[in-house]
Amino acid sequence: MIGKEKVAAAYKAAFGKGKIRYFFSPGRVEILGNHTDHNHGIAIASCIDRGITAAVEKNDDGAIQIASVGFKPFTFYTDELKYNPAEKGSTLALAKGVARAMKDAGYKIGGFRAALVSDIQAGSGLSSSAAFECLIAKILDVLYNEGKMEPGEMAKIGKFAENEYFGKACGLLDQSAIAFGGGNLLDFDSPNGVDVTPLQYHLPLHCFLINTGSSHEGLDALYKAIPDGMRNVAQNLLGVDYLADASKEDFFQAISRGNLAVKESDKLIAQHFYDECDRVRMGQKALNENDTLSFIRALAESQVSMATLLHNTMVPGQYNRSPQQAVDLATPHLHEGAARMSGGGFAGSVLCYCYAKDVEEFSHSMSAFYGQDNVYEIAFLDHGPEEF
């Protein structure tokens, strides 16, 4: 987390002196439950101690001015929130989308100036976009609504901004993980969008993140193929809308009968969904009972499933700097620990869990390959977006 002094300096450089307040929105890691949210499954995710910190001052002219260190500043007005396709894929689109969704939901909105500093590395897969969405929602909620917004509403607002204004087809996992804060089991088979069961992490494992340096640019078709494959199996093999609407037993009975309309690769993707939801329950039980061995087993099996059933641990033919390469390099140095890709896949970060006795060996070996700035220990937070 970036300290107040650095953020205050950024505000002064962008806007001059002001009566500022401080806000923080964390990044998130997916611990278990890869590509389960969009088919109404379950996942375990947690906020971490890296995110976006903001120095904010309220104004009365309806202008929202945002200056993020390292990026071009932008301004828009709260009475001009219409979707603009030319802004698709921009941070401006995310901010406008959040303001629009809040206004449509009956929340008050208004102007503010904000300087943002982030310690989420680009392309690391810690969901900087969801952190930004939740940050803007939190600022508007505190400044104009006395902080009354429920976390579930914040998550839906962020998802709207990302789907409809930014143009990315994401599920609800990233926004829910950040909005609810802490570590949670997230159940997406709910009329409320998501049901949340808090979890505590007390295992004797240090958690490190490896930023592989690979890019998520141009991978939309690969990401889209996974939920499309799951929906194809759900609708054309099982006769339901989502995989969670049918049991694992229903699935195995259906594939034994065969169906030429459903590709074999889609069946593998669907099998990952059912097996992964089982692993989430295993991970939940392990965390509740401080069962380190079962937790590591669930992580390791999840990584194998992503590599062999989802095939999303690397872009086809691009092993170098892929998450799969990072897992392969890290595993020998983790000994009794485990490495697992986090997030949508094909690029981004790998989470590595190791015992204290292996920290020095692991850190030295991985830093030699990826650089010290790309291998670092993270801490799980017990809160989400906040004014501090």
Protein backbone atom coordinates (compact mmCIF):
# COMPACT_ATOMS: atom_id res chain seq x y z
CA MET A 1 0.00 0.00 0.00
CA ILE A 2 1.30 3.44 -0.96
CA GLY A 3 1.79 5.86 1.94
CA LYS A 4 -0.10 9.14 2.38
CA GLU A 5 2.94 11.33 1.76
CA LYS A 6 3.54 9.97 -1.74
CA VAL A 7 -0.13 10.29 -2.69
CA ALA A 8 -0.37 13.80 -1.24
CA ALA A 9 2.65 14.81 -3.32
CA ALA A 10 0.95 13.42 -6.42
CA TYR A 11 -2.17 15.43 -5.62
CA LYS A 12 -0.18 18.62 -5.15
CA ALA A 13 1.64 18.08 -8.44
CA ALA A 14 -1.64 17.57 -10.31
CA PHE A 15 -4.00 20.01 -8.60
CA GLY A 16 -2.09 22.14 -6.12
CA LYS A 17 -2.98 22.43 -2.47
CA GLY A 18 -6.27 21.11 -1.20
CA LYS A 19 -8.21 19.71 1.71
CA ILE A 20 -7.72 16.07 0.84
CA ARG A 21 -8.99 12.75 2.11
CA TYR A 22 -7.39 9.36 1.53
CA PHE A 23 -8.89 6.21 0.02
CA PHE A 24 -7.51 2.77 -0.76
CA SER A 25 -8.83 -0.06 -2.94
CA PRO A 26 -6.92 -3.37 -2.85
CA GLY A 27 -6.03 -5.79 -5.59
CA ARG A 28 -7.25 -9.36 -5.35
CA VAL A 29 -5.94 -12.86 -5.84
CA GLU A 30 -7.95 -15.90 -6.81
CA ILE A 31 -6.90 -18.71 -4.48
CA LEU A 32 -9.14 -21.47 -5.87
CA GLY A 33 -11.99 -21.48 -8.37
CA ASN A 34 -10.58 -20.71 -11.80
CA HIS A 35 -13.29 -19.82 -14.34
CA THR A 36 -16.15 -20.94 -12.12
CA ASP A 37 -17.92 -17.62 -11.50
CA HIS A 38 -19.46 -17.15 -14.94
CA ASN A 39 -21.22 -20.52 -14.68
CA HIS A 40 -22.59 -19.85 -11.20
CA GLY A 41 -19.98 -21.90 -9.38
CA ILE A 42 -17.87 -21.13 -6.30
CA ALA A 43 -14.42 -19.67 -5.69
CA ILE A 44 -12.07 -18.56 -2.93
CA ALA A 45 -10.49 -15.13 -3.32
CA SER A 46 -8.83 -12.57 -1.09
CA CYS A 47 -7.83 -8.92 -1.07
CA ILE A 48 -4.11 -8.28 -0.76
CA ASP A 49 -1.86 -5.51 0.51
CA ARG A 50 -1.25 -4.04 -2.96
CA GLY A 51 -3.74 -1.77 -4.64
CA ILE A 52 -4.61 1.81 -5.58
CA THR A 53 -4.30 4.68 -3.10
CA ALA A 54 -5.98 8.03 -3.77
CA ALA A 55 -5.82 11.57 -2.40
CA VAL A 56 -9.26 13.07 -2.97
CA GLU A 57 -10.94 16.46 -2.63
CA LYS A 58 -14.65 17.04 -3.17
CA ASN A 59 -15.75 19.83 -5.51
CA ASP A 60 -19.06 21.46 -6.35
CA ASP A 61 -18.85 21.84 -10.14
CA GLY A 62 -19.78 18.28 -11.14
CA ALA A 63 -16.35 17.60 -12.66
CA ILE A 64 -14.59 14.33 -11.88
CA GLN A 65 -10.88 14.87 -12.45
CA ILE A 66 -8.52 11.91 -12.13
CA ALA A 67 -4.74 12.04 -12.35
CA SER A 68 -3.09 8.62 -12.06
CA VAL A 69 0.68 8.66 -11.74
CA GLY A 70 2.18 7.37 -14.99
CA PHE A 71 -0.99 7.92 -17.03
CA LYS A 72 -2.65 10.81 -18.85
CA PRO A 73 -5.14 12.68 -16.63
CA PHE A 74 -8.76 13.00 -17.67
CA THR A 75 -11.93 14.89 -16.74
CA PHE A 76 -15.60 14.22 -17.28
CA TYR A 77 -18.82 15.69 -15.88
CA THR A 78 -21.56 13.97 -13.95
CA ASP A 79 -24.23 15.29 -16.33
CA GLU A 80 -22.41 13.79 -19.35
CA LEU A 81 -22.33 10.05 -18.69
CA LYS A 82 -23.54 8.69 -22.02
CA TYR A 83 -21.60 5.71 -23.36
CA ASN A 84 -19.01 6.68 -25.97
CA PRO A 85 -17.66 3.77 -28.05
CA ALA A 86 -14.51 5.79 -28.78
CA GLU A 87 -13.63 5.52 -25.07
CA LYS A 88 -13.89 1.73 -25.00
CA GLY A 89 -10.94 0.08 -23.22
CA SER A 90 -9.95 3.24 -21.33
CA THR A 91 -9.82 4.14 -17.64
CA LEU A 92 -12.13 7.03 -18.47
CA ALA A 93 -14.73 4.50 -19.62
CA LEU A 94 -14.47 2.63 -16.32
CA ALA A 95 -14.94 5.78 -14.24
CA LYS A 96 -17.87 7.00 -16.33
CA GLY A 97 -19.45 3.55 -16.21
CA VAL A 98 -19.28 3.48 -12.42
CA ALA A 99 -20.82 6.95 -12.14
CA ARG A 100 -23.55 6.03 -14.62
CA ALA A 101 -24.41 2.78 -12.81
CA MET A 102 -24.54 4.52 -9.45
CA LYS A 103 -26.81 7.26 -10.80
CA ASP A 104 -29.12 4.71 -12.43
CA ALA A 105 -29.28 2.79 -9.13
CA GLY A 106 -30.46 5.91 -7.29
CA TYR A 107 -27.21 6.96 -5.62
CA LYS A 108 -26.14 10.58 -5.46
CA ILE A 109 -23.05 11.46 -7.46
CA GLY A 110 -20.95 14.59 -7.75
CA GLY A 111 -17.56 16.02 -8.55
CA PHE A 112 -14.17 15.39 -7.02
CA ARG A 113 -10.49 15.63 -7.82
CA ALA A 114 -8.30 12.59 -7.19
CA ALA A 115 -4.63 11.72 -7.55
CA LEU A 116 -4.03 7.97 -7.77
CA VAL A 117 -0.89 5.96 -7.10
CA SER A 118 -0.86 2.20 -7.64
CA ASP A 119 1.54 -0.55 -6.60
CA ILE A 120 -0.26 -3.13 -8.75
CA GLN A 121 2.10 -3.96 -11.58
CA ALA A 122 0.72 -3.76 -15.10
CA GLY A 123 -0.27 -7.17 -16.42
CA SER A 124 0.17 -8.87 -13.05
CA GLY A 125 -3.38 -10.21 -13.00
CA LEU A 126 -4.31 -8.69 -9.63
CA SER A 127 -7.37 -7.05 -11.18
CA SER A 128 -6.34 -3.40 -11.26
CA SER A 129 -9.49 -2.60 -13.27
CA ALA A 130 -11.81 -3.96 -10.55
CA ALA A 131 -9.72 -2.19 -7.90
CA PHE A 132 -10.19 1.06 -9.83
CA GLU A 133 -13.92 0.52 -10.27
CA CYS A 134 -14.40 -0.16 -6.57
CA LEU A 135 -12.23 2.82 -5.68
CA ILE A 136 -14.36 5.23 -7.73
CA ALA A 137 -17.54 3.72 -6.30
CA LYS A 138 -16.18 4.03 -2.75
CA ILE A 139 -15.18 7.67 -3.23
CA LEU A 140 -18.60 8.63 -4.62
CA ASP A 141 -20.35 6.60 -1.94
CA VAL A 142 -18.47 8.24 0.93
CA LEU A 143 -18.55 11.77 -0.46
CA TYR A 144 -22.21 11.80 -1.50
CA ASN A 145 -24.04 8.86 0.15
CA GLU A 146 -22.57 8.64 3.66
CA GLY A 147 -20.92 5.33 2.78
CA LYS A 148 -24.20 3.41 2.68
CA MET A 149 -23.53 1.24 -0.38
CA GLU A 150 -23.55 -2.52 0.24
CA PRO A 151 -20.57 -4.53 -1.07
CA GLY A 152 -22.75 -6.61 -3.37
CA GLU A 153 -24.09 -3.46 -5.02
CA MET A 154 -20.55 -2.12 -5.42
CA ALA A 155 -19.52 -5.34 -7.16
CA LYS A 156 -22.43 -5.18 -9.61
CA ILE A 157 -21.71 -1.52 -10.37
CA GLY A 158 -18.08 -2.34 -11.13
CA LYS A 159 -19.08 -5.24 -13.36
CA PHE A 160 -21.48 -3.00 -15.29
CA ALA A 161 -18.69 -0.48 -15.92
CA GLU A 162 -16.31 -3.17 -17.14
CA ASN A 163 -18.86 -5.01 -19.29
CA GLU A 164 -20.83 -2.13 -20.79
CA TYR A 165 -18.42 0.84 -20.89
CA PHE A 166 -14.93 -0.70 -20.90
CA GLY A 167 -16.02 -3.57 -23.16
CA LYS A 168 -14.58 -6.58 -21.34
CA ALA A 169 -16.71 -9.67 -20.76
CA CYS A 170 -15.84 -10.47 -17.15
CA GLY A 171 -17.76 -12.33 -14.48
CA LEU A 172 -18.41 -11.06 -10.97
CA LEU A 173 -15.43 -12.63 -9.17
CA ASP A 174 -12.95 -9.75 -9.30
CA GLN A 175 -15.36 -7.04 -8.18
CA SER A 176 -16.90 -9.24 -5.48
CA ALA A 177 -13.52 -10.25 -4.08
CA ILE A 178 -12.54 -6.59 -3.70
CA ALA A 179 -15.88 -5.10 -2.66
CA PHE A 180 -16.53 -7.59 0.16
CA GLY A 181 -12.94 -7.43 1.37
CA GLY A 182 -10.89 -9.96 3.29
CA GLY A 183 -10.80 -13.61 2.24
CA ASN A 184 -14.06 -15.26 1.25
CA LEU A 185 -15.75 -18.21 -0.35
CA LEU A 186 -17.87 -16.68 -3.09
CA ASP A 187 -20.95 -18.57 -4.27
CA PHE A 188 -22.24 -17.20 -7.57
CA ASP A 189 -25.31 -19.43 -7.73
CA SER A 190 -27.42 -16.91 -5.85
CA PRO A 191 -30.37 -14.62 -6.65
CA ASN A 192 -28.31 -11.88 -4.97
CA GLY A 193 -25.48 -12.29 -7.47
CA VAL A 194 -23.09 -13.75 -4.92
CA ASP A 195 -23.28 -15.22 -1.43
CA VAL A 196 -20.22 -14.64 0.74
CA THR A 197 -18.73 -16.84 3.46
CA PRO A 198 -15.74 -15.24 5.25
CA LEU A 199 -12.60 -17.35 5.60
CA GLN A 200 -9.44 -16.89 7.64
CA TYR A 201 -5.92 -17.76 6.54
CA HIS A 202 -3.79 -19.11 9.39
CA LEU A 203 -1.68 -21.68 7.56
CA PRO A 204 2.12 -21.80 8.09
CA LEU A 205 2.75 -20.89 4.46
CA HIS A 206 4.29 -17.73 3.02
CA CYS A 207 2.54 -16.55 -0.14
CA PHE A 208 4.64 -15.08 -2.94
CA LEU A 209 3.54 -13.64 -6.24
CA ILE A 210 5.54 -14.03 -9.44
CA ASN A 211 4.71 -11.47 -12.11
CA THR A 212 5.69 -13.27 -15.31
CA GLY A 213 5.77 -10.10 -17.39
CA SER A 214 3.47 -11.59 -20.01
CA SER A 215 0.73 -9.43 -21.51
CA HIS A 216 -3.04 -9.93 -21.56
CA GLU A 217 -3.37 -7.85 -24.73
CA GLY A 218 -5.09 -9.54 -27.65
CA LEU A 219 -6.28 -12.56 -25.67
CA ASP A 220 -10.01 -11.82 -25.61
CA ALA A 221 -10.88 -14.69 -27.96
CA LEU A 222 -8.98 -17.19 -25.80
CA TYR A 223 -10.74 -15.99 -22.63
CA LYS A 224 -14.15 -15.99 -24.30
CA ALA A 225 -13.77 -19.59 -25.48
CA ILE A 226 -13.84 -20.87 -21.89
CA PRO A 227 -17.25 -19.53 -20.78
CA ASP A 228 -18.60 -20.20 -24.27
CA GLY A 229 -17.50 -23.83 -24.00
CA MET A 230 -19.09 -24.22 -20.59
CA ARG A 231 -22.36 -22.68 -21.76
CA ASN A 232 -22.33 -24.94 -24.83
CA VAL A 233 -22.16 -28.03 -22.62
CA ALA A 234 -24.76 -26.65 -20.21
CA GLN A 235 -27.30 -25.80 -22.88
CA ASN A 236 -26.72 -28.44 -25.57
CA LEU A 237 -25.71 -31.43 -23.46
CA LEU A 238 -27.37 -30.86 -20.09
CA GLY A 239 -30.36 -28.72 -21.09
CA VAL A 240 -29.70 -26.01 -18.48
CA ASP A 241 -28.53 -22.40 -18.60
CA TYR A 242 -25.37 -22.81 -16.51
CA LEU A 243 -23.24 -25.76 -15.45
CA ALA A 244 -24.15 -25.15 -11.81
CA ASP A 245 -27.76 -25.92 -12.71
CA ALA A 246 -26.81 -29.57 -13.24
CA SER A 247 -24.93 -31.94 -10.97
CA LYS A 248 -21.57 -33.53 -11.63
CA GLU A 249 -23.35 -36.88 -11.86
CA ASP A 250 -25.71 -35.46 -14.50
CA PHE A 251 -22.69 -34.29 -16.47
CA PHE A 252 -20.92 -37.67 -16.49
CA GLN A 253 -24.12 -39.48 -17.44
CA ALA A 254 -24.66 -37.04 -20.31
CA ILE A 255 -21.16 -37.34 -21.78
CA SER A 256 -21.41 -41.13 -21.67
CA ARG A 257 -24.37 -40.90 -24.05
CA GLY A 258 -22.48 -38.66 -26.47
CA ASN A 259 -23.61 -35.63 -28.43
CA LEU A 260 -22.10 -34.61 -31.76
CA ALA A 261 -23.15 -30.97 -31.20
CA VAL A 262 -20.71 -30.61 -28.29
CA LYS A 263 -16.96 -30.60 -28.89
CA GLU A 264 -14.73 -32.86 -26.82
CA SER A 265 -12.66 -29.83 -25.79
CA ASP A 266 -15.79 -28.21 -24.35
CA LYS A 267 -16.49 -31.34 -22.32
CA LEU A 268 -13.00 -31.06 -20.81
CA ILE A 269 -13.64 -27.43 -19.94
CA ALA A 270 -16.90 -28.44 -18.25
CA GLN A 271 -15.19 -31.24 -16.33
CA HIS A 272 -12.75 -28.66 -14.97
CA PHE A 273 -15.71 -26.63 -13.68
CA TYR A 274 -17.17 -29.50 -11.67
CA ASP A 275 -13.81 -30.71 -10.36
CA GLU A 276 -12.73 -27.17 -9.50
CA CYS A 277 -15.86 -26.53 -7.45
CA ASP A 278 -15.03 -29.70 -5.50
CA ARG A 279 -11.53 -28.33 -4.91
CA VAL A 280 -12.96 -25.04 -3.64
CA ARG A 281 -14.90 -26.99 -1.00
CA MET A 282 -11.73 -28.88 -0.15
CA GLY A 283 -9.89 -25.58 0.23
CA GLN A 284 -12.64 -24.12 2.39
CA LYS A 285 -12.52 -27.12 4.70
CA ALA A 286 -8.72 -27.01 4.82
CA LEU A 287 -8.69 -23.32 5.78
CA ASN A 288 -11.34 -23.82 8.44
CA GLU A 289 -9.42 -26.76 9.94
CA ASN A 290 -5.90 -25.37 9.35
CA ASP A 291 -5.17 -28.45 7.25
CA THR A 292 -2.10 -27.35 5.30
CA LEU A 293 -1.58 -30.60 3.38
CA SER A 294 -5.14 -30.65 2.01
CA PHE A 295 -4.88 -26.98 1.06
CA ILE A 296 -1.66 -27.62 -0.89
CA ARG A 297 -3.21 -30.65 -2.55
CA ALA A 298 -6.18 -28.59 -3.73
CA LEU A 299 -3.86 -25.92 -5.16
CA ALA A 300 -1.68 -28.44 -6.98
CA GLU A 301 -4.66 -30.31 -8.45
CA SER A 302 -6.20 -27.02 -9.58
CA GLN A 303 -3.02 -26.10 -11.45
CA VAL A 304 -2.96 -29.47 -13.22
CA SER A 305 -6.61 -29.07 -14.20
CA MET A 306 -6.02 -25.62 -15.67
CA ALA A 307 -3.07 -26.94 -17.67
CA THR A 308 -4.71 -30.13 -18.95
CA LEU A 309 -8.45 -29.37 -19.16
CA LEU A 310 -8.78 -25.59 -19.56
CA HIS A 311 -5.46 -25.20 -21.37
CA ASN A 312 -5.21 -21.61 -20.11
CA THR A 313 -1.81 -21.64 -18.39
CA MET A 314 -0.08 -20.41 -21.54
CA VAL A 315 -0.94 -19.00 -24.94
CA PRO A 316 -0.63 -21.91 -27.38
CA GLY A 317 2.97 -22.13 -28.55
CA GLN A 318 4.18 -19.37 -26.21
CA TYR A 319 5.79 -21.09 -23.22
CA ASN A 320 8.42 -18.44 -22.48
CA ARG A 321 7.23 -16.01 -19.76
CA SER A 322 3.97 -17.90 -19.43
CA PRO A 323 2.34 -18.78 -16.10
CA GLN A 324 3.04 -22.44 -16.87
CA GLN A 325 6.76 -21.74 -17.14
CA ALA A 326 6.70 -19.91 -13.81
CA VAL A 327 4.98 -22.88 -12.15
CA ASP A 328 7.52 -25.27 -13.65
CA LEU A 329 10.46 -23.15 -12.51
CA ALA A 330 9.09 -22.50 -9.02
CA THR A 331 7.89 -25.99 -8.08
CA PRO A 332 11.32 -27.58 -7.40
CA HIS A 333 12.17 -24.74 -5.00
CA LEU A 334 8.87 -24.94 -3.11
CA HIS A 335 9.49 -28.54 -1.99
CA GLU A 336 6.34 -29.39 0.04
CA GLY A 337 4.61 -26.19 -1.11
CA ALA A 338 2.64 -25.48 -4.28
CA ALA A 339 2.41 -23.05 -7.19
CA ARG A 340 -0.80 -22.10 -8.96
CA MET A 341 -1.73 -19.59 -11.63
CA SER A 342 -4.11 -16.85 -10.46
CA GLY A 343 -6.73 -15.21 -12.64
CA GLY A 344 -8.16 -15.70 -16.11
CA GLY A 345 -5.00 -17.26 -17.48
CA PHE A 346 -2.74 -17.30 -20.53
CA ALA A 347 -0.67 -14.49 -18.97
CA GLY A 348 -0.25 -12.71 -15.64
CA SER A 349 0.80 -13.99 -12.24
CA VAL A 350 1.47 -17.16 -10.31
CA LEU A 351 0.92 -17.58 -6.57
CA CYS A 352 3.48 -19.67 -4.73
CA TYR A 353 2.96 -21.04 -1.22
CA CYS A 354 6.06 -22.14 0.66
CA TYR A 355 7.15 -23.04 4.17
CA ALA A 356 9.46 -20.69 6.05
CA LYS A 357 12.43 -23.04 5.61
CA ASP A 358 12.18 -22.69 1.82
CA VAL A 359 11.61 -18.93 1.53
CA GLU A 360 15.25 -17.96 0.99
CA GLU A 361 15.91 -20.62 -1.65
CA PHE A 362 12.67 -19.90 -3.48
CA SER A 363 13.03 -16.12 -3.42
CA HIS A 364 16.67 -16.19 -4.56
CA SER A 365 16.05 -18.64 -7.40
CA MET A 366 12.95 -16.94 -8.77
CA SER A 367 14.38 -13.42 -8.43
CA ALA A 368 17.42 -14.51 -10.43
CA PHE A 369 15.11 -15.37 -13.34
CA TYR A 370 12.32 -12.78 -13.09
CA GLY A 371 14.03 -9.94 -11.22
CA GLN A 372 13.51 -8.91 -7.61
CA ASP A 373 10.70 -6.48 -8.48
CA ASN A 374 8.66 -9.32 -9.96
CA VAL A 375 8.92 -11.77 -7.05
CA TYR A 376 7.50 -10.54 -3.77
CA GLU A 377 5.62 -11.72 -0.72
CA ILE A 378 2.03 -10.62 -0.34
CA ALA A 379 -0.26 -10.43 2.68
CA PHE A 380 -3.98 -11.16 2.72
CA LEU A 381 -6.07 -8.23 3.97
CA ASP A 382 -9.12 -8.34 6.20
CA HIS A 383 -10.84 -5.39 4.48
CA GLY A 384 -11.82 -4.03 1.07
CA PRO A 385 -12.04 -0.45 -0.25
CA GLU A 386 -11.85 2.10 2.54
CA GLU A 387 -11.26 5.70 3.53
CA PHE A 388 -8.34 5.81 5.94
